[in-house]
Protein backbone atom coordinates (compact mmCIF):
# COMPACT_ATOMS: atom_id res chain seq x y z
CA MET A 1 -18.01 18.60 8.00
CA LYS A 2 -16.52 21.48 9.93
CA LEU A 3 -17.10 23.79 6.95
CA LYS A 4 -13.91 25.55 8.07
CA TRP A 5 -12.81 26.47 4.56
CA LEU A 6 -16.29 27.58 3.45
CA SER A 7 -16.64 29.69 6.60
CA GLY A 8 -13.29 31.26 5.81
CA VAL A 9 -14.49 32.21 2.35
CA LEU A 10 -17.63 33.70 3.85
CA ALA A 11 -15.65 35.73 6.37
CA ALA A 12 -13.28 36.98 3.68
CA THR A 13 -16.19 38.20 1.57
CA LEU A 14 -18.25 39.62 4.41
CA MET A 15 -17.78 43.21 3.28
CA LEU A 16 -18.38 42.52 -0.40
CA SER A 17 -21.72 43.13 -2.08
CA ALA A 18 -23.52 40.54 -4.15
CA CYS A 19 -22.09 40.25 -7.65
CA GLY A 20 -24.50 38.49 -9.95
CA SER A 21 -27.46 36.14 -10.09
CA GLY A 22 -27.95 32.42 -9.61
CA GLY A 23 -27.83 30.19 -12.65
CA SER A 24 -31.55 29.49 -12.80
CA ASN A 25 -32.55 33.13 -12.62
CA GLY A 26 -31.21 34.11 -16.02
CA ALA A 27 -28.69 36.83 -16.91
CA SER A 28 -26.17 37.93 -14.30
CA GLY A 29 -26.69 41.21 -12.48
CA GLU A 30 -27.55 42.77 -9.14
CA LYS A 31 -30.46 41.10 -7.35
CA GLN A 32 -33.50 43.31 -6.94
CA GLU A 33 -34.74 43.59 -3.37
CA GLY A 34 -37.52 41.11 -2.72
CA GLU A 35 -36.69 38.95 -5.74
CA VAL A 36 -36.92 35.21 -5.05
CA ILE A 37 -33.79 33.28 -6.01
CA LYS A 38 -34.65 29.88 -7.51
CA TRP A 39 -32.03 27.13 -7.63
CA LYS A 40 -32.12 23.80 -9.44
CA PHE A 41 -30.52 20.90 -7.55
CA GLY A 42 -29.89 17.69 -9.54
CA HIS A 43 -28.67 14.33 -8.28
CA LEU A 44 -28.73 10.65 -9.28
CA ALA A 45 -30.49 8.98 -6.31
CA ASP A 46 -34.21 8.28 -5.97
CA GLU A 47 -36.69 9.98 -3.65
CA ASN A 48 -36.21 7.44 -0.84
CA HIS A 49 -32.44 7.79 -0.71
CA ILE A 50 -30.56 9.47 2.16
CA TRP A 51 -29.13 12.06 -0.23
CA HIS A 52 -32.56 13.12 -1.44
CA LYS A 53 -34.11 13.26 2.04
CA THR A 54 -31.18 15.35 3.25
CA ALA A 55 -31.43 17.59 0.18
CA GLU A 56 -35.09 18.20 1.02
CA GLU A 57 -34.13 19.11 4.59
CA PHE A 58 -31.43 21.45 3.29
CA ALA A 59 -33.88 23.13 0.90
CA ASP A 60 -36.40 23.64 3.70
CA LEU A 61 -33.74 25.05 6.02
CA VAL A 62 -32.46 27.46 3.36
CA ASN A 63 -35.97 28.66 2.62
CA GLU A 64 -36.70 29.11 6.32
CA LYS A 65 -33.44 30.86 7.18
CA THR A 66 -33.72 33.26 4.22
CA GLU A 67 -37.40 33.91 4.94
CA GLY A 68 -38.40 32.63 1.52
CA GLN A 69 -35.74 34.53 -0.44
CA ILE A 70 -34.19 31.30 -1.78
CA GLU A 71 -36.20 28.37 -3.15
CA ILE A 72 -34.51 25.12 -4.13
CA GLN A 73 -36.17 22.71 -6.53
CA ILE A 74 -34.71 19.20 -6.34
CA PHE A 75 -34.43 16.89 -9.36
CA PRO A 76 -33.68 13.28 -8.31
CA ASN A 77 -33.08 10.26 -10.57
CA ASN A 78 -30.71 12.15 -12.88
CA SER A 79 -33.71 14.06 -14.22
CA LEU A 80 -31.45 17.05 -14.97
CA GLY A 81 -28.98 14.68 -16.65
CA GLY A 82 -26.09 12.62 -15.35
CA GLU A 83 -23.60 13.87 -12.79
CA THR A 84 -21.19 15.26 -15.38
CA ASP A 85 -24.08 16.80 -17.33
CA THR A 86 -25.30 18.59 -14.21
CA ILE A 87 -21.83 19.93 -13.41
CA ASN A 88 -21.60 21.24 -16.97
CA ALA A 89 -25.06 22.77 -16.60
CA ILE A 90 -24.00 24.58 -13.41
CA GLN A 91 -20.93 25.92 -15.16
CA ALA A 92 -23.18 27.08 -18.01
CA GLY A 93 -25.67 28.68 -15.60
CA THR A 94 -28.67 26.41 -16.25
CA ALA A 95 -28.48 24.48 -12.96
CA ASP A 96 -27.17 25.39 -9.52
CA LEU A 97 -26.46 22.47 -7.19
CA VAL A 98 -25.22 18.89 -7.59
CA ILE A 99 -24.06 15.90 -5.58
CA SER A 100 -20.64 14.81 -6.81
CA GLY A 101 -17.43 13.15 -5.72
CA GLU A 102 -14.53 11.55 -7.55
CA THR A 103 -16.05 12.42 -10.94
CA MET A 104 -14.72 15.95 -10.36
CA GLN A 105 -11.17 14.68 -10.88
CA ASN A 106 -11.80 15.35 -14.56
CA TRP A 107 -11.37 19.02 -13.60
CA ALA A 108 -9.65 18.89 -10.21
CA PRO A 109 -7.05 16.06 -10.05
CA LYS A 110 -7.00 15.93 -6.24
CA ALA A 111 -10.67 14.91 -6.24
CA ALA A 112 -9.45 11.50 -7.41
CA LEU A 113 -8.33 10.90 -3.83
CA MET A 114 -11.96 10.89 -2.72
CA ALA A 115 -12.30 7.32 -3.99
CA VAL A 116 -8.94 5.60 -4.47
CA PRO A 117 -9.38 1.85 -3.96
CA TYR A 118 -8.22 0.61 -0.58
CA ALA A 119 -6.99 4.07 0.50
CA PHE A 120 -9.33 4.27 3.51
CA ARG A 121 -9.58 1.70 6.28
CA ASP A 122 -13.10 2.62 7.40
CA LEU A 123 -15.52 5.55 7.71
CA ASP A 124 -13.75 7.00 10.74
CA HIS A 125 -10.62 7.26 8.60
CA VAL A 126 -12.68 8.99 5.90
CA LYS A 127 -14.10 11.56 8.34
CA THR A 128 -10.68 12.35 9.78
CA VAL A 129 -9.35 13.07 6.28
CA VAL A 130 -12.37 15.08 5.09
CA GLU A 131 -12.40 17.32 8.14
CA GLY A 132 -8.64 17.83 8.24
CA GLU A 133 -6.00 19.55 6.11
CA ILE A 134 -6.24 17.03 3.26
CA GLY A 135 -9.98 17.61 2.94
CA GLU A 136 -9.46 21.38 2.90
CA GLU A 137 -6.84 20.98 0.18
CA ILE A 138 -9.22 18.93 -1.98
CA GLU A 139 -12.10 21.39 -1.42
CA LYS A 140 -9.93 24.34 -2.37
CA GLU A 141 -8.95 22.77 -5.68
CA ILE A 142 -12.58 21.84 -6.44
CA THR A 143 -13.64 25.44 -5.88
CA GLU A 144 -10.83 26.85 -8.00
CA LYS A 145 -10.88 24.35 -10.89
CA VAL A 146 -14.44 22.98 -11.06
CA GLY A 147 -16.15 26.24 -10.16
CA LEU A 148 -18.18 24.59 -7.39
CA THR A 149 -18.27 25.34 -3.66
CA PRO A 150 -18.70 22.36 -1.28
CA LEU A 151 -21.52 22.99 1.20
CA TYR A 152 -21.74 19.72 3.12
CA TYR A 153 -20.90 16.05 2.57
CA HIS A 154 -22.15 12.50 3.01
CA THR A 155 -19.96 9.58 3.97
CA ARG A 156 -20.74 6.59 1.80
CA ALA A 157 -21.14 2.92 2.50
CA PRO A 158 -18.25 0.96 0.94
CA ARG A 159 -18.46 0.17 -2.75
CA ASN A 160 -19.14 -3.50 -3.50
CA LEU A 161 -19.18 -5.44 -6.76
CA THR A 162 -22.53 -6.91 -7.87
CA SER A 163 -22.95 -9.80 -10.29
CA SER A 164 -25.18 -12.67 -11.38
CA GLU A 165 -22.56 -15.24 -10.38
CA PRO A 166 -20.52 -15.11 -7.15
CA ILE A 167 -17.10 -13.48 -7.41
CA GLU A 168 -14.68 -14.38 -4.64
CA SER A 169 -11.30 -13.49 -6.15
CA PRO A 170 -9.82 -11.64 -9.14
CA SER A 171 -9.57 -14.92 -11.03
CA ASP A 172 -13.38 -14.90 -11.25
CA LEU A 173 -13.30 -11.65 -13.26
CA LYS A 174 -12.08 -13.14 -16.56
CA GLY A 175 -14.36 -11.84 -19.32
CA PHE A 176 -16.50 -9.95 -16.76
CA SER A 177 -17.90 -6.78 -18.35
CA MET A 178 -18.86 -4.19 -15.78
CA ARG A 179 -19.93 -0.59 -15.44
CA VAL A 180 -17.80 2.01 -13.71
CA PRO A 181 -18.47 5.76 -13.33
CA ASN A 182 -16.57 8.31 -15.40
CA VAL A 183 -13.44 7.95 -13.27
CA PRO A 184 -10.25 6.99 -15.17
CA LEU A 185 -8.70 5.35 -12.11
CA PHE A 186 -11.68 3.00 -11.75
CA LEU A 187 -11.23 1.85 -15.33
CA LYS A 188 -7.56 1.09 -14.76
CA VAL A 189 -7.83 -0.71 -11.43
CA TRP A 190 -10.62 -2.99 -12.62
CA GLU A 191 -8.71 -3.75 -15.81
CA ALA A 192 -5.72 -4.61 -13.63
CA ALA A 193 -7.94 -6.88 -11.52
CA GLY A 194 -8.95 -8.78 -14.68
CA ALA A 195 -12.37 -7.33 -15.57
CA LYS A 196 -13.59 -5.48 -18.67
CA PRO A 197 -14.86 -2.16 -17.31
CA GLN A 198 -16.70 0.48 -19.30
CA VAL A 199 -17.97 3.95 -18.42
CA MET A 200 -21.74 4.31 -18.18
CA ASP A 201 -24.07 6.82 -16.47
CA PHE A 202 -25.83 5.36 -13.45
CA ASN A 203 -29.26 5.90 -15.03
CA GLU A 204 -28.24 3.46 -17.81
CA VAL A 205 -26.99 0.69 -15.52
CA PHE A 206 -30.29 -1.12 -14.87
CA THR A 207 -31.06 -1.42 -18.59
CA GLY A 208 -27.46 -2.36 -19.35
CA LEU A 209 -27.64 -5.23 -16.87
CA GLN A 210 -31.11 -6.24 -18.00
CA GLN A 211 -30.05 -6.42 -21.64
CA GLY A 212 -26.72 -8.12 -20.93
CA VAL A 213 -24.61 -5.20 -22.17
CA ILE A 214 -22.74 -5.51 -18.86
CA LYS A 215 -22.55 -8.35 -16.34
CA GLY A 216 -22.04 -6.28 -13.22
CA GLN A 217 -21.28 -2.96 -11.58
CA GLU A 218 -19.89 -1.59 -8.31
CA ASN A 219 -21.60 0.76 -5.87
CA PRO A 220 -22.49 1.17 -2.21
CA VAL A 221 -25.50 -0.84 -1.02
CA ASP A 222 -27.71 2.26 -0.80
CA LEU A 223 -27.35 2.91 -4.54
CA ILE A 224 -27.72 -0.79 -5.32
CA GLN A 225 -31.08 -0.57 -3.58
CA SER A 226 -31.99 2.88 -4.90
CA GLY A 227 -31.30 1.78 -8.48
CA GLY A 228 -33.41 -1.37 -8.12
CA LEU A 229 -30.39 -3.47 -9.10
CA TYR A 230 -31.63 -6.37 -6.96
CA GLU A 231 -34.04 -7.04 -9.82
CA VAL A 232 -31.21 -7.75 -12.27
CA GLN A 233 -28.31 -8.90 -10.04
CA LYS A 234 -28.07 -11.82 -7.62
CA TYR A 235 -24.85 -11.27 -5.65
CA VAL A 236 -23.22 -8.47 -3.68
CA ASN A 237 -19.56 -9.40 -3.49
CA ARG A 238 -17.96 -7.71 -0.45
CA THR A 239 -14.94 -6.21 -2.16
CA GLU A 240 -15.37 -3.05 -0.04
CA HIS A 241 -12.75 -1.58 -2.36
CA VAL A 242 -13.68 2.04 -1.78
CA TYR A 243 -14.69 3.91 1.35
CA SER A 244 -15.38 7.48 0.36
CA TRP A 245 -17.46 10.62 0.69
CA ILE A 246 -19.47 12.79 -1.65
CA TYR A 247 -20.08 16.54 -1.64
CA ILE A 248 -23.18 18.65 -2.07
CA LEU A 249 -21.95 21.60 -4.11
CA ILE A 250 -23.21 24.91 -5.42
CA GLY A 251 -21.83 26.89 -8.34
CA ASN A 252 -19.33 29.51 -7.23
CA LYS A 253 -21.16 32.21 -9.17
CA GLN A 254 -24.47 31.29 -7.58
CA PHE A 255 -23.01 31.40 -4.08
CA GLU A 256 -21.08 34.61 -4.68
CA ALA A 257 -24.24 36.29 -6.00
CA LEU A 258 -25.82 36.11 -2.56
CA ASN A 259 -25.69 38.94 -0.08
CA ASP A 260 -23.89 38.39 3.22
CA GLU A 261 -26.99 37.41 5.20
CA GLN A 262 -28.02 34.89 2.55
CA LYS A 263 -24.53 33.35 2.48
CA LYS A 264 -24.64 32.99 6.25
CA ALA A 265 -28.08 31.36 6.06
CA VAL A 266 -26.99 28.86 3.40
CA THR A 267 -23.84 27.98 5.35
CA GLU A 268 -25.84 27.43 8.55
CA ALA A 269 -28.40 25.33 6.67
CA ALA A 270 -25.58 23.23 5.23
CA ALA A 271 -24.16 22.52 8.70
CA GLU A 272 -27.59 21.46 9.97
CA ALA A 273 -28.21 19.31 6.88
CA GLN A 274 -24.84 17.65 7.50
CA ALA A 275 -25.97 16.56 10.98
CA PHE A 276 -29.37 15.47 9.62
CA GLY A 277 -27.72 13.33 6.93
CA GLU A 278 -25.36 11.67 9.41
CA LYS A 279 -28.29 10.67 11.61
CA LEU A 280 -30.16 9.24 8.60
CA TYR A 281 -27.07 7.29 7.53
CA ASP A 282 -26.72 5.70 10.97
CA GLU A 283 -30.42 4.77 10.99
CA GLU A 284 -30.84 3.53 7.44
CA ILE A 285 -27.64 1.96 6.11
CA SER A 286 -27.76 -0.83 8.67
CA LYS A 287 -31.22 -1.82 7.38
CA ILE A 288 -30.35 -1.92 3.69
CA GLU A 289 -28.39 -5.18 3.60
CA SER A 290 -31.25 -7.11 5.16
CA GLU A 291 -33.71 -5.44 2.77
CA LEU A 292 -31.54 -6.44 -0.21
CA GLU A 293 -31.39 -10.00 1.15
CA SER A 294 -35.18 -10.02 1.41
CA GLU A 295 -35.26 -9.06 -2.28
CA GLY A 296 -33.20 -12.18 -3.04
CA MET A 297 -29.62 -10.88 -3.09
CA GLU A 298 -26.82 -12.86 -1.46
CA PHE A 299 -23.71 -11.33 0.13
CA VAL A 300 -20.43 -13.02 -0.71
CA ASP A 301 -17.18 -12.68 1.26
CA VAL A 302 -14.19 -12.14 -1.01
CA ASP A 303 -10.41 -12.23 -0.81
CA GLN A 304 -9.95 -8.47 -0.35
CA ASP A 305 -6.17 -8.79 -0.06
CA ALA A 306 -6.05 -10.39 -3.51
CA PHE A 307 -8.09 -7.53 -5.02
CA ARG A 308 -5.89 -4.97 -3.25
CA GLU A 309 -2.73 -6.66 -4.55
CA LYS A 310 -4.02 -6.69 -8.15
CA MET A 311 -5.14 -3.05 -8.02
CA GLN A 312 -2.13 -1.51 -6.26
CA PRO A 313 0.21 -1.30 -9.31
CA ALA A 314 -2.54 0.39 -11.34
CA ILE A 315 -3.10 2.91 -8.54
CA LYS A 316 0.58 3.85 -8.50
CA ASP A 317 0.79 4.03 -12.30
CA SER A 318 -2.43 6.03 -12.64
CA LEU A 319 -1.89 8.72 -10.04
CA LYS A 320 0.23 11.74 -10.89
CA PRO A 321 3.11 12.47 -8.48
CA GLU A 322 1.14 15.07 -6.49
CA GLN A 323 -1.86 12.74 -6.32
CA TYR A 324 0.25 9.80 -5.17
CA GLU A 325 1.89 11.99 -2.54
CA LEU A 326 -1.57 12.88 -1.21
CA TYR A 327 -2.57 9.20 -1.37
CA GLU A 328 0.41 8.27 0.82
CA LYS A 329 -0.54 11.02 3.28
CA ILE A 330 -4.05 9.56 3.49
CA LEU A 331 -2.65 6.10 4.26
CA GLU A 332 -0.63 7.61 7.11
CA VAL A 333 -3.56 9.42 8.76
CA GLU A 334 -4.44 7.81 12.09
């Protein structure tokens, strides 16, 4: 991430003094010199996941660059609550950082474009969009409407459908109950494809599959592994319906409460964490499929064109005019 927009915000506020305290430090007000700022950072992945390892690196870098003025405590495995819960907690001032993506469309409609099915050809296409004008437009709306400032991002492995029986085409989805995240578009496209989707927090998915409440779910392979879903699912069906990215975000109030040197340190740490996370992704994602296979999962090739054809009308019907316009711009990006 070029962090162009975030750097612009930092430059614009360079002459301003700090204006409040971070969420985890209690009531707002001017920071006392020497006071340690403590931030709570919640996310859904486990301790072995790329996101968590990169979050740890980011926390260490922030602490080092601020000479101990900022400490970040990380809460993996949704231990601060689900993604939406953590966003609400940041807005309320009881948490400070979160990892989030398309879920933010519930506040910022353009965030829906972070995970529209079959919008992105591959990860290079994703990176070009994130680091260009479209990405800046999405970040700006997130900051203004969600109250969160993007710091850095992770590209994600494509989302695939898991199941206990192989699924090769939409015709195999009849009566198939499945979990989707709290993203209205995901509900509609999977309904259009023939499934019976329902919203469920990720921390409930394993039990839901185990107890037969749902028959499947869709996620990138890293979260399939992180969530231990190989214990309750047999097949990874290569729908590859979503290539996307996800942001690491801090509450606007928490970021704005920092003095200029602290803002600079956090921004620099974010850029370095970005590079660290990209290296981890390249090293680890390629290993995960073979590890899932060793746990007994089978990968199934599917008719992606058939899934795309079934989902396309729901995409057009679901997106508002400004969202669909942005969607078409994404398709045109080379």
